[in-house]
Amino acid sequence: MALSAQDPGKSVFPFAPAYLESMSINLDHPKLSGETTVRNAVTEVAAMVGENVKLRRGFMLSTTAHGVVSSYLHTCPQPDLGRVAGLVTLEAEDSSAPLDALKRVGSSIAMHIVAARPLFLSKELVSAAAVENERDVLRTQAERSGKPQMAIEKMVEGRLRKYFEEAVLLEQKYVVNDSTNIKASRQTFSSD
């Protein structure tokens, strides 16, 4: 899943594994260190964990000089080794904003994304087809209740709001403080 506040073509670039396999990387890990290729690193990791490991897809994130790429690794048995990862790019509107604070906020949002698994960044980015499909499912469920049509429409709209609260990042309750949602937390983040 890749969520982007801007045009995904500007800040998130998907690419095939072949693009990376021959790329040279420098690893600083107790069991893998030194310069190697991505292909060799994947082979080494597969040998270490005793599992078939494949690089299936990749995304490159970019930001401006006043931005950061933040990460969160969930279930880390060792440093820099996790089962699920979240990556977020954030850019400061104020060029004098401290980037370390922005990085902490980004890591917190990345943790939220891993925990809450949003499907969309904002309500505006939910496709009309997805909304209509959800509305149809909810209408079918509501019609089974046997209530009048006016009540069914209110039930559908209420459940659709609930769907947005669960599927849209900016509408989700913030996992660090569930008394607010991510959209409202932006003001808290900006005052940190």
N, C-alpha and C. Protein backbone atom coordinates (compact mmCIF):
# COMPACT_ATOMS: atom_id res chain seq x y z
N MET A 1 0.85 -1.16 0.00
CA MET A 1 0.00 0.00 0.00
C MET A 1 0.89 1.23 0.00
N ALA A 2 0.59 2.18 -0.84
CA ALA A 2 1.31 3.44 -0.87
C ALA A 2 0.31 4.58 -0.78
N LEU A 3 0.41 5.36 0.27
CA LEU A 3 -0.45 6.52 0.43
C LEU A 3 0.41 7.76 0.22
N SER A 4 -0.08 8.72 -0.52
CA SER A 4 0.68 9.94 -0.75
C SER A 4 -0.25 11.13 -0.68
N ALA A 5 0.18 12.17 0.03
CA ALA A 5 -0.63 13.37 0.15
C ALA A 5 -0.61 14.16 -1.15
N GLN A 6 0.43 13.98 -1.92
CA GLN A 6 0.54 14.69 -3.18
C GLN A 6 0.25 13.72 -4.31
N ASP A 7 0.46 14.17 -5.51
CA ASP A 7 0.34 13.30 -6.67
C ASP A 7 1.33 12.16 -6.51
N PRO A 8 0.86 10.88 -6.48
CA PRO A 8 1.78 9.77 -6.29
C PRO A 8 2.91 9.76 -7.30
N GLY A 9 2.69 10.30 -8.48
CA GLY A 9 3.74 10.35 -9.48
C GLY A 9 4.89 11.26 -9.09
N LYS A 10 4.67 12.16 -8.14
CA LYS A 10 5.71 13.09 -7.74
C LYS A 10 6.59 12.57 -6.61
N SER A 11 6.01 11.86 -5.63
CA SER A 11 6.79 11.52 -4.45
C SER A 11 6.94 10.02 -4.21
N VAL A 12 6.16 9.19 -4.87
CA VAL A 12 6.26 7.74 -4.70
C VAL A 12 6.47 7.12 -6.08
N PHE A 13 7.58 6.41 -6.22
CA PHE A 13 7.91 5.82 -7.51
C PHE A 13 7.99 4.30 -7.37
N PRO A 14 7.02 3.56 -7.91
CA PRO A 14 7.11 2.09 -7.85
C PRO A 14 8.10 1.60 -8.90
N PHE A 15 8.76 0.48 -8.61
CA PHE A 15 9.65 -0.11 -9.59
C PHE A 15 9.73 -1.61 -9.38
N ALA A 16 10.14 -2.29 -10.42
CA ALA A 16 10.25 -3.75 -10.39
C ALA A 16 11.54 -4.15 -9.66
N PRO A 17 11.58 -5.37 -9.10
CA PRO A 17 12.77 -5.84 -8.38
C PRO A 17 14.04 -5.83 -9.23
N ALA A 18 13.91 -6.08 -10.53
CA ALA A 18 15.09 -6.12 -11.39
C ALA A 18 15.85 -4.80 -11.35
N TYR A 19 15.15 -3.71 -11.10
CA TYR A 19 15.77 -2.39 -11.03
C TYR A 19 16.79 -2.34 -9.90
N LEU A 20 16.52 -3.04 -8.80
CA LEU A 20 17.40 -2.99 -7.62
C LEU A 20 18.44 -4.09 -7.54
N GLU A 21 18.18 -5.23 -8.15
CA GLU A 21 19.00 -6.42 -7.89
C GLU A 21 20.49 -6.21 -8.07
N SER A 22 20.91 -5.44 -9.05
CA SER A 22 22.34 -5.25 -9.26
C SER A 22 22.87 -4.00 -8.56
N MET A 23 21.99 -3.27 -7.88
CA MET A 23 22.40 -2.06 -7.16
C MET A 23 23.32 -2.42 -6.01
N SER A 24 24.37 -1.65 -5.83
CA SER A 24 25.33 -1.87 -4.76
C SER A 24 24.87 -1.13 -3.51
N ILE A 25 24.88 -1.83 -2.37
CA ILE A 25 24.50 -1.22 -1.10
C ILE A 25 25.56 -1.50 -0.07
N ASN A 26 25.64 -0.66 0.95
CA ASN A 26 26.60 -0.85 2.03
C ASN A 26 25.82 -1.15 3.29
N LEU A 27 25.98 -2.36 3.82
CA LEU A 27 25.21 -2.80 4.99
C LEU A 27 26.04 -2.69 6.26
N ASP A 28 25.39 -2.27 7.31
CA ASP A 28 26.02 -2.19 8.63
C ASP A 28 25.15 -2.96 9.60
N HIS A 29 25.30 -4.28 9.58
CA HIS A 29 24.49 -5.17 10.39
C HIS A 29 25.43 -6.22 10.96
N PRO A 30 25.18 -6.73 12.17
CA PRO A 30 26.10 -7.72 12.76
C PRO A 30 26.35 -8.95 11.87
N LYS A 31 25.36 -9.38 11.12
CA LYS A 31 25.53 -10.58 10.30
C LYS A 31 25.75 -10.27 8.83
N LEU A 32 25.39 -9.11 8.40
CA LEU A 32 25.60 -8.68 7.02
C LEU A 32 26.26 -7.31 7.04
N SER A 33 27.51 -7.25 6.69
CA SER A 33 28.15 -5.94 6.68
C SER A 33 29.05 -5.83 5.46
N GLY A 34 29.29 -4.60 5.10
CA GLY A 34 30.13 -4.32 3.95
C GLY A 34 29.31 -4.08 2.70
N GLU A 35 30.02 -3.88 1.61
CA GLU A 35 29.35 -3.59 0.35
C GLU A 35 28.99 -4.87 -0.39
N THR A 36 27.77 -4.90 -0.90
CA THR A 36 27.27 -6.05 -1.66
C THR A 36 26.16 -5.57 -2.59
N THR A 37 25.65 -6.46 -3.39
CA THR A 37 24.51 -6.10 -4.22
C THR A 37 23.22 -6.48 -3.49
N VAL A 38 22.12 -5.91 -3.92
CA VAL A 38 20.82 -6.22 -3.32
C VAL A 38 20.53 -7.71 -3.53
N ARG A 39 20.82 -8.24 -4.70
CA ARG A 39 20.58 -9.67 -4.98
C ARG A 39 21.33 -10.54 -3.97
N ASN A 40 22.60 -10.24 -3.71
CA ASN A 40 23.40 -11.02 -2.74
C ASN A 40 22.87 -10.85 -1.32
N ALA A 41 22.42 -9.64 -0.97
CA ALA A 41 21.88 -9.40 0.37
C ALA A 41 20.61 -10.22 0.58
N VAL A 42 19.75 -10.28 -0.42
CA VAL A 42 18.52 -11.08 -0.32
C VAL A 42 18.87 -12.55 -0.16
N THR A 43 19.85 -13.03 -0.90
CA THR A 43 20.30 -14.43 -0.79
C THR A 43 20.84 -14.71 0.61
N GLU A 44 21.62 -13.79 1.15
CA GLU A 44 22.18 -13.95 2.50
C GLU A 44 21.08 -13.98 3.56
N VAL A 45 20.10 -13.10 3.43
CA VAL A 45 18.99 -13.07 4.39
C VAL A 45 18.22 -14.38 4.32
N ALA A 46 17.99 -14.88 3.12
CA ALA A 46 17.29 -16.16 2.97
C ALA A 46 18.06 -17.28 3.66
N ALA A 47 19.37 -17.29 3.53
CA ALA A 47 20.19 -18.31 4.18
C ALA A 47 20.15 -18.17 5.70
N MET A 48 20.14 -16.92 6.20
CA MET A 48 20.13 -16.69 7.65
C MET A 48 18.82 -17.15 8.28
N VAL A 49 17.70 -16.84 7.66
CA VAL A 49 16.41 -17.16 8.26
C VAL A 49 15.89 -18.53 7.85
N GLY A 50 16.52 -19.16 6.87
CA GLY A 50 16.11 -20.48 6.44
C GLY A 50 14.77 -20.49 5.73
N GLU A 51 14.42 -19.40 5.10
CA GLU A 51 13.17 -19.26 4.37
C GLU A 51 13.45 -18.77 2.97
N ASN A 52 12.49 -18.99 2.08
CA ASN A 52 12.59 -18.48 0.73
C ASN A 52 12.25 -16.99 0.77
N VAL A 53 13.21 -16.15 0.52
CA VAL A 53 13.02 -14.70 0.57
C VAL A 53 13.16 -14.16 -0.84
N LYS A 54 12.19 -13.34 -1.24
CA LYS A 54 12.24 -12.73 -2.57
C LYS A 54 11.90 -11.25 -2.44
N LEU A 55 12.56 -10.48 -3.26
CA LEU A 55 12.22 -9.07 -3.37
C LEU A 55 11.14 -8.97 -4.44
N ARG A 56 9.89 -8.66 -4.03
CA ARG A 56 8.77 -8.66 -4.97
C ARG A 56 8.47 -7.31 -5.57
N ARG A 57 8.62 -6.25 -4.81
CA ARG A 57 8.33 -4.93 -5.32
C ARG A 57 9.05 -3.89 -4.46
N GLY A 58 9.15 -2.72 -5.00
CA GLY A 58 9.82 -1.66 -4.27
C GLY A 58 9.21 -0.32 -4.57
N PHE A 59 9.41 0.61 -3.66
CA PHE A 59 8.97 1.98 -3.83
C PHE A 59 10.10 2.90 -3.41
N MET A 60 10.31 3.92 -4.17
CA MET A 60 11.29 4.92 -3.82
C MET A 60 10.52 6.16 -3.39
N LEU A 61 10.86 6.70 -2.24
CA LEU A 61 10.20 7.89 -1.73
C LEU A 61 11.17 9.06 -1.85
N SER A 62 10.64 10.21 -2.19
CA SER A 62 11.49 11.39 -2.27
C SER A 62 10.83 12.53 -1.53
N THR A 63 11.63 13.50 -1.15
CA THR A 63 11.13 14.67 -0.45
C THR A 63 12.05 15.84 -0.76
N THR A 64 11.67 17.01 -0.33
CA THR A 64 12.49 18.20 -0.56
C THR A 64 13.54 18.32 0.55
N ALA A 65 14.30 19.38 0.50
CA ALA A 65 15.31 19.63 1.53
C ALA A 65 14.67 19.89 2.88
N HIS A 66 13.41 20.29 2.90
CA HIS A 66 12.72 20.58 4.16
C HIS A 66 11.77 19.44 4.52
N GLY A 67 12.14 18.23 4.15
CA GLY A 67 11.31 17.07 4.43
C GLY A 67 12.13 15.90 4.91
N VAL A 68 11.42 14.88 5.37
CA VAL A 68 12.07 13.67 5.88
C VAL A 68 11.31 12.44 5.41
N VAL A 69 12.00 11.33 5.38
CA VAL A 69 11.36 10.03 5.20
C VAL A 69 11.48 9.35 6.55
N SER A 70 10.35 9.03 7.17
CA SER A 70 10.33 8.39 8.48
C SER A 70 9.85 6.97 8.34
N SER A 71 10.27 6.13 9.29
CA SER A 71 9.88 4.72 9.22
C SER A 71 9.47 4.20 10.58
N TYR A 72 8.79 3.07 10.53
CA TYR A 72 8.44 2.32 11.74
C TYR A 72 8.52 0.85 11.38
N LEU A 73 9.22 0.08 12.18
CA LEU A 73 9.30 -1.37 12.00
C LEU A 73 8.56 -2.04 13.14
N HIS A 74 7.59 -2.87 12.80
CA HIS A 74 6.79 -3.56 13.82
C HIS A 74 7.34 -4.96 14.04
N THR A 75 7.28 -5.41 15.28
CA THR A 75 7.78 -6.71 15.69
C THR A 75 9.25 -6.84 15.32
N CYS A 76 10.08 -6.05 15.98
CA CYS A 76 11.51 -6.04 15.71
C CYS A 76 12.24 -6.98 16.67
N PRO A 77 12.60 -8.19 16.23
CA PRO A 77 13.38 -9.07 17.10
C PRO A 77 14.81 -8.58 17.24
N GLN A 78 15.28 -7.84 16.25
CA GLN A 78 16.63 -7.26 16.26
C GLN A 78 16.53 -5.88 15.63
N PRO A 79 17.49 -5.02 15.92
CA PRO A 79 17.46 -3.69 15.29
C PRO A 79 17.42 -3.80 13.76
N ASP A 80 16.63 -2.97 13.14
CA ASP A 80 16.49 -2.88 11.68
C ASP A 80 15.94 -4.14 11.04
N LEU A 81 15.26 -4.99 11.80
CA LEU A 81 14.68 -6.21 11.24
C LEU A 81 13.26 -6.34 11.79
N GLY A 82 12.27 -6.12 10.95
CA GLY A 82 10.88 -6.17 11.40
C GLY A 82 10.02 -6.96 10.45
N ARG A 83 8.81 -7.27 10.89
CA ARG A 83 7.89 -8.04 10.06
C ARG A 83 7.03 -7.16 9.18
N VAL A 84 6.68 -5.98 9.68
CA VAL A 84 5.86 -5.04 8.92
C VAL A 84 6.50 -3.67 9.06
N ALA A 85 6.56 -2.93 7.96
CA ALA A 85 7.18 -1.61 7.99
C ALA A 85 6.22 -0.56 7.47
N GLY A 86 6.34 0.62 7.99
CA GLY A 86 5.60 1.78 7.49
C GLY A 86 6.58 2.86 7.14
N LEU A 87 6.40 3.49 5.99
CA LEU A 87 7.24 4.60 5.55
C LEU A 87 6.36 5.80 5.26
N VAL A 88 6.81 6.97 5.69
CA VAL A 88 6.05 8.19 5.50
C VAL A 88 7.02 9.29 5.09
N THR A 89 6.63 10.09 4.10
CA THR A 89 7.40 11.30 3.80
C THR A 89 6.60 12.49 4.30
N LEU A 90 7.28 13.40 4.97
CA LEU A 90 6.66 14.63 5.47
C LEU A 90 7.53 15.80 5.06
N GLU A 91 6.88 16.89 4.75
CA GLU A 91 7.59 18.12 4.42
C GLU A 91 7.09 19.24 5.30
N ALA A 92 8.03 20.04 5.81
CA ALA A 92 7.69 21.16 6.68
C ALA A 92 7.32 22.37 5.83
N GLU A 93 6.23 23.04 6.21
CA GLU A 93 5.86 24.28 5.53
C GLU A 93 6.85 25.38 5.87
N ASP A 94 7.38 25.35 7.09
CA ASP A 94 8.35 26.33 7.56
C ASP A 94 9.75 25.75 7.39
N SER A 95 10.58 26.40 6.61
CA SER A 95 11.92 25.87 6.33
C SER A 95 12.82 25.87 7.56
N SER A 96 12.42 26.58 8.64
CA SER A 96 13.24 26.58 9.85
C SER A 96 12.80 25.50 10.84
N ALA A 97 11.80 24.71 10.48
CA ALA A 97 11.31 23.66 11.38
C ALA A 97 12.40 22.61 11.58
N PRO A 98 12.58 22.15 12.83
CA PRO A 98 13.61 21.13 13.10
C PRO A 98 13.23 19.79 12.46
N LEU A 99 14.12 19.25 11.65
CA LEU A 99 13.83 18.01 10.93
C LEU A 99 13.75 16.80 11.86
N ASP A 100 14.45 16.83 13.03
CA ASP A 100 14.37 15.70 13.94
C ASP A 100 12.96 15.58 14.54
N ALA A 101 12.31 16.71 14.82
CA ALA A 101 10.93 16.68 15.33
C ALA A 101 9.99 16.16 14.24
N LEU A 102 10.22 16.59 13.01
CA LEU A 102 9.41 16.12 11.89
C LEU A 102 9.59 14.61 11.69
N LYS A 103 10.80 14.13 11.89
CA LYS A 103 11.07 12.69 11.76
C LYS A 103 10.34 11.90 12.85
N ARG A 104 10.29 12.42 14.08
CA ARG A 104 9.55 11.75 15.17
C ARG A 104 8.06 11.69 14.87
N VAL A 105 7.51 12.78 14.36
CA VAL A 105 6.09 12.80 14.00
C VAL A 105 5.84 11.79 12.89
N GLY A 106 6.73 11.76 11.90
CA GLY A 106 6.59 10.80 10.80
C GLY A 106 6.63 9.37 11.29
N SER A 107 7.52 9.07 12.22
CA SER A 107 7.59 7.71 12.77
C SER A 107 6.32 7.35 13.51
N SER A 108 5.74 8.32 14.22
CA SER A 108 4.49 8.08 14.92
C SER A 108 3.35 7.80 13.94
N ILE A 109 3.30 8.57 12.85
CA ILE A 109 2.27 8.34 11.84
C ILE A 109 2.50 7.01 11.13
N ALA A 110 3.77 6.67 10.87
CA ALA A 110 4.08 5.37 10.24
C ALA A 110 3.63 4.23 11.14
N MET A 111 3.82 4.38 12.46
CA MET A 111 3.35 3.36 13.41
C MET A 111 1.83 3.25 13.33
N HIS A 112 1.15 4.38 13.28
CA HIS A 112 -0.31 4.37 13.16
C HIS A 112 -0.74 3.63 11.90
N ILE A 113 -0.08 3.90 10.79
CA ILE A 113 -0.44 3.27 9.52
C ILE A 113 -0.27 1.75 9.60
N VAL A 114 0.82 1.30 10.22
CA VAL A 114 1.03 -0.14 10.38
C VAL A 114 -0.07 -0.75 11.25
N ALA A 115 -0.45 -0.05 12.30
CA ALA A 115 -1.47 -0.57 13.22
C ALA A 115 -2.87 -0.52 12.62
N ALA A 116 -3.22 0.59 11.97
CA ALA A 116 -4.59 0.80 11.53
C ALA A 116 -4.85 0.40 10.07
N ARG A 117 -3.82 0.24 9.28
CA ARG A 117 -3.91 -0.21 7.89
C ARG A 117 -4.94 0.54 7.05
N PRO A 118 -4.79 1.85 6.92
CA PRO A 118 -5.74 2.60 6.10
C PRO A 118 -5.62 2.21 4.62
N LEU A 119 -6.72 2.35 3.91
CA LEU A 119 -6.73 2.04 2.48
C LEU A 119 -6.57 3.30 1.64
N PHE A 120 -6.94 4.45 2.22
CA PHE A 120 -6.92 5.72 1.49
C PHE A 120 -6.34 6.80 2.38
N LEU A 121 -5.76 7.83 1.78
CA LEU A 121 -5.21 8.94 2.55
C LEU A 121 -6.32 9.87 3.04
N SER A 122 -7.21 10.27 2.14
CA SER A 122 -8.29 11.19 2.49
C SER A 122 -9.59 10.75 1.83
N LYS A 123 -10.69 11.30 2.31
CA LYS A 123 -11.99 10.96 1.73
C LYS A 123 -12.04 11.32 0.25
N GLU A 124 -11.40 12.41 -0.11
CA GLU A 124 -11.41 12.86 -1.50
C GLU A 124 -10.71 11.88 -2.44
N LEU A 125 -9.81 11.06 -1.90
CA LEU A 125 -9.07 10.11 -2.73
C LEU A 125 -9.75 8.74 -2.82
N VAL A 126 -10.88 8.57 -2.14
CA VAL A 126 -11.65 7.33 -2.25
C VAL A 126 -12.40 7.40 -3.57
N SER A 127 -12.20 6.43 -4.42
CA SER A 127 -12.84 6.46 -5.73
C SER A 127 -14.36 6.36 -5.60
N ALA A 128 -15.03 6.94 -6.57
CA ALA A 128 -16.50 6.90 -6.58
C ALA A 128 -16.97 5.45 -6.66
N ALA A 129 -16.24 4.61 -7.38
CA ALA A 129 -16.61 3.20 -7.49
C ALA A 129 -16.52 2.50 -6.14
N ALA A 130 -15.48 2.80 -5.36
CA ALA A 130 -15.33 2.19 -4.04
C ALA A 130 -16.44 2.63 -3.10
N VAL A 131 -16.81 3.92 -3.15
CA VAL A 131 -17.89 4.43 -2.30
C VAL A 131 -19.21 3.78 -2.71
N GLU A 132 -19.47 3.70 -4.00
CA GLU A 132 -20.73 3.12 -4.48
C GLU A 132 -20.81 1.63 -4.12
N ASN A 133 -19.71 0.93 -4.25
CA ASN A 133 -19.68 -0.49 -3.89
C ASN A 133 -19.97 -0.67 -2.40
N GLU A 134 -19.33 0.13 -1.57
CA GLU A 134 -19.56 0.06 -0.12
C GLU A 134 -21.01 0.41 0.21
N ARG A 135 -21.53 1.45 -0.45
CA ARG A 135 -22.92 1.87 -0.23
C ARG A 135 -23.89 0.73 -0.59
N ASP A 136 -23.63 0.01 -1.70
CA ASP A 136 -24.47 -1.12 -2.11
C ASP A 136 -24.47 -2.22 -1.06
N VAL A 137 -23.27 -2.54 -0.56
CA VAL A 137 -23.15 -3.59 0.46
C VAL A 137 -23.90 -3.18 1.71
N LEU A 138 -23.72 -1.94 2.13
CA LEU A 138 -24.39 -1.45 3.34
C LEU A 138 -25.91 -1.40 3.17
N ARG A 139 -26.36 -1.01 1.98
CA ARG A 139 -27.80 -0.95 1.71
C ARG A 139 -28.41 -2.36 1.79
N THR A 140 -27.73 -3.35 1.21
CA THR A 140 -28.20 -4.73 1.25
C THR A 140 -28.31 -5.21 2.70
N GLN A 141 -27.31 -4.89 3.50
CA GLN A 141 -27.34 -5.28 4.91
C GLN A 141 -28.48 -4.59 5.64
N ALA A 142 -28.67 -3.29 5.38
CA ALA A 142 -29.71 -2.53 6.07
C ALA A 142 -31.12 -2.99 5.66
N GLU A 143 -31.30 -3.38 4.40
CA GLU A 143 -32.61 -3.83 3.93
C GLU A 143 -33.05 -5.11 4.64
N ARG A 144 -32.10 -5.91 5.07
CA ARG A 144 -32.42 -7.15 5.79
C ARG A 144 -33.04 -6.87 7.16
N SER A 145 -32.89 -5.64 7.66
CA SER A 145 -33.43 -5.30 8.97
C SER A 145 -34.95 -5.15 8.94
N GLY A 146 -35.51 -4.94 7.74
CA GLY A 146 -36.95 -4.79 7.62
C GLY A 146 -37.46 -3.41 8.01
N LYS A 147 -36.57 -2.45 8.18
CA LYS A 147 -36.98 -1.09 8.57
C LYS A 147 -37.45 -0.31 7.34
N PRO A 148 -38.16 0.80 7.56
CA PRO A 148 -38.64 1.62 6.44
C PRO A 148 -37.48 2.20 5.61
N GLN A 149 -37.76 2.57 4.36
CA GLN A 149 -36.73 3.04 3.43
C GLN A 149 -35.98 4.26 3.97
N MET A 150 -36.70 5.19 4.61
CA MET A 150 -36.05 6.39 5.16
C MET A 150 -35.03 6.00 6.22
N ALA A 151 -35.38 5.05 7.06
CA ALA A 151 -34.46 4.59 8.10
C ALA A 151 -33.27 3.87 7.47
N ILE A 152 -33.53 3.12 6.41
CA ILE A 152 -32.45 2.39 5.73
C ILE A 152 -31.42 3.37 5.18
N GLU A 153 -31.88 4.46 4.56
CA GLU A 153 -30.95 5.46 4.00
C GLU A 153 -30.09 6.09 5.10
N LYS A 154 -30.70 6.38 6.26
CA LYS A 154 -29.94 6.94 7.38
C LYS A 154 -28.93 5.92 7.91
N MET A 155 -29.35 4.65 7.95
CA MET A 155 -28.43 3.59 8.39
C MET A 155 -27.24 3.49 7.45
N VAL A 156 -27.51 3.54 6.15
CA VAL A 156 -26.44 3.44 5.15
C VAL A 156 -25.46 4.59 5.30
N GLU A 157 -25.97 5.81 5.43
CA GLU A 157 -25.09 6.98 5.55
C GLU A 157 -24.27 6.92 6.85
N GLY A 158 -24.88 6.48 7.94
CA GLY A 158 -24.15 6.33 9.21
C GLY A 158 -23.06 5.29 9.11
N ARG A 159 -23.37 4.17 8.49
CA ARG A 159 -22.37 3.12 8.33
C ARG A 159 -21.29 3.52 7.33
N LEU A 160 -21.64 4.35 6.36
CA LEU A 160 -20.64 4.84 5.41
C LEU A 160 -19.65 5.77 6.12
N ARG A 161 -20.15 6.60 7.04
CA ARG A 161 -19.25 7.43 7.85
C ARG A 161 -18.31 6.54 8.65
N LYS A 162 -18.83 5.47 9.20
CA LYS A 162 -18.01 4.53 9.97
C LYS A 162 -16.95 3.88 9.07
N TYR A 163 -17.35 3.55 7.83
CA TYR A 163 -16.40 2.99 6.85
C TYR A 163 -15.24 3.97 6.62
N PHE A 164 -15.56 5.26 6.43
CA PHE A 164 -14.51 6.25 6.23
C PHE A 164 -13.60 6.35 7.46
N GLU A 165 -14.18 6.25 8.65
CA GLU A 165 -13.38 6.30 9.88
C GLU A 165 -12.43 5.12 9.99
N GLU A 166 -12.77 4.01 9.37
CA GLU A 166 -11.92 2.83 9.43
C GLU A 166 -10.94 2.75 8.26
N ALA A 167 -11.32 3.24 7.07
CA ALA A 167 -10.52 3.03 5.86
C ALA A 167 -9.69 4.23 5.43
N VAL A 168 -9.97 5.42 5.95
CA VAL A 168 -9.30 6.64 5.50
C VAL A 168 -8.36 7.14 6.60
N LEU A 169 -7.09 7.27 6.27
CA LEU A 169 -6.07 7.66 7.26
C LEU A 169 -6.46 8.92 8.04
N LEU A 170 -6.80 9.99 7.35
CA LEU A 170 -7.09 11.25 8.04
C LEU A 170 -8.33 11.20 8.91
N GLU A 171 -9.21 10.22 8.69
CA GLU A 171 -10.43 10.08 9.48
C GLU A 171 -10.28 9.08 10.63
N GLN A 172 -9.20 8.30 10.63
CA GLN A 172 -9.03 7.26 11.65
C GLN A 172 -8.70 7.86 13.01
N LYS A 173 -9.15 7.16 14.06
CA LYS A 173 -8.76 7.52 15.42
C LYS A 173 -7.26 7.26 15.53
N TYR A 174 -6.54 8.22 16.08
CA TYR A 174 -5.09 8.13 16.21
C TYR A 174 -4.74 7.08 17.27
N VAL A 175 -3.93 6.10 16.94
CA VAL A 175 -3.64 5.00 17.86
C VAL A 175 -2.90 5.47 19.12
N VAL A 176 -2.19 6.56 19.03
CA VAL A 176 -1.48 7.07 20.20
C VAL A 176 -2.42 7.81 21.14
N ASN A 177 -3.49 8.41 20.58
CA ASN A 177 -4.47 9.15 21.38
C ASN A 177 -5.82 8.97 20.70
N ASP A 178 -6.58 7.98 21.11
CA ASP A 178 -7.83 7.65 20.41
C ASP A 178 -8.97 8.63 20.67
N SER A 179 -8.71 9.71 21.40
CA SER A 179 -9.74 10.72 21.58
C SER A 179 -9.76 11.70 20.41
N THR A 180 -8.85 11.54 19.47
CA THR A 180 -8.78 12.42 18.31
C THR A 180 -8.48 11.60 17.06
N ASN A 181 -8.74 12.19 15.90
CA ASN A 181 -8.37 11.50 14.67
C ASN A 181 -7.10 12.12 14.10
N ILE A 182 -6.55 11.49 13.08
CA ILE A 182 -5.29 11.94 12.50
C ILE A 182 -5.41 13.37 11.97
N LYS A 183 -6.52 13.69 11.32
CA LYS A 183 -6.70 15.03 10.76
C LYS A 183 -6.63 16.08 11.87
N ALA A 184 -7.30 15.86 12.98
CA ALA A 184 -7.28 16.80 14.10
C ALA A 184 -5.92 16.81 14.78
N SER A 185 -5.21 15.70 14.73
CA SER A 185 -3.89 15.62 15.36
C SER A 185 -2.84 16.43 14.62
N ARG A 186 -3.11 16.80 13.37
CA ARG A 186 -2.14 17.59 12.62
C ARG A 186 -1.82 18.89 13.35
N GLN A 187 -2.82 19.49 14.01
CA GLN A 187 -2.57 20.71 14.76
C GLN A 187 -1.66 20.41 15.97
N THR A 188 -1.86 19.26 16.61
CA THR A 188 -1.00 18.87 17.73
C THR A 188 0.41 18.64 17.24
N PHE A 189 0.55 17.98 16.09
CA PHE A 189 1.88 17.73 15.55
C PHE A 189 2.60 19.03 15.25
N SER A 190 1.89 19.97 14.66
CA SER A 190 2.53 21.22 14.24
C SER A 190 2.93 22.08 15.43
N SER A 191 2.34 21.84 16.60
CA SER A 191 2.73 22.63 17.78
C SER A 191 3.82 21.96 18.59
N ASP A 192 4.18 20.71 18.23
CA ASP A 192 5.25 19.99 18.97
C ASP A 192 6.61 20.57 18.68
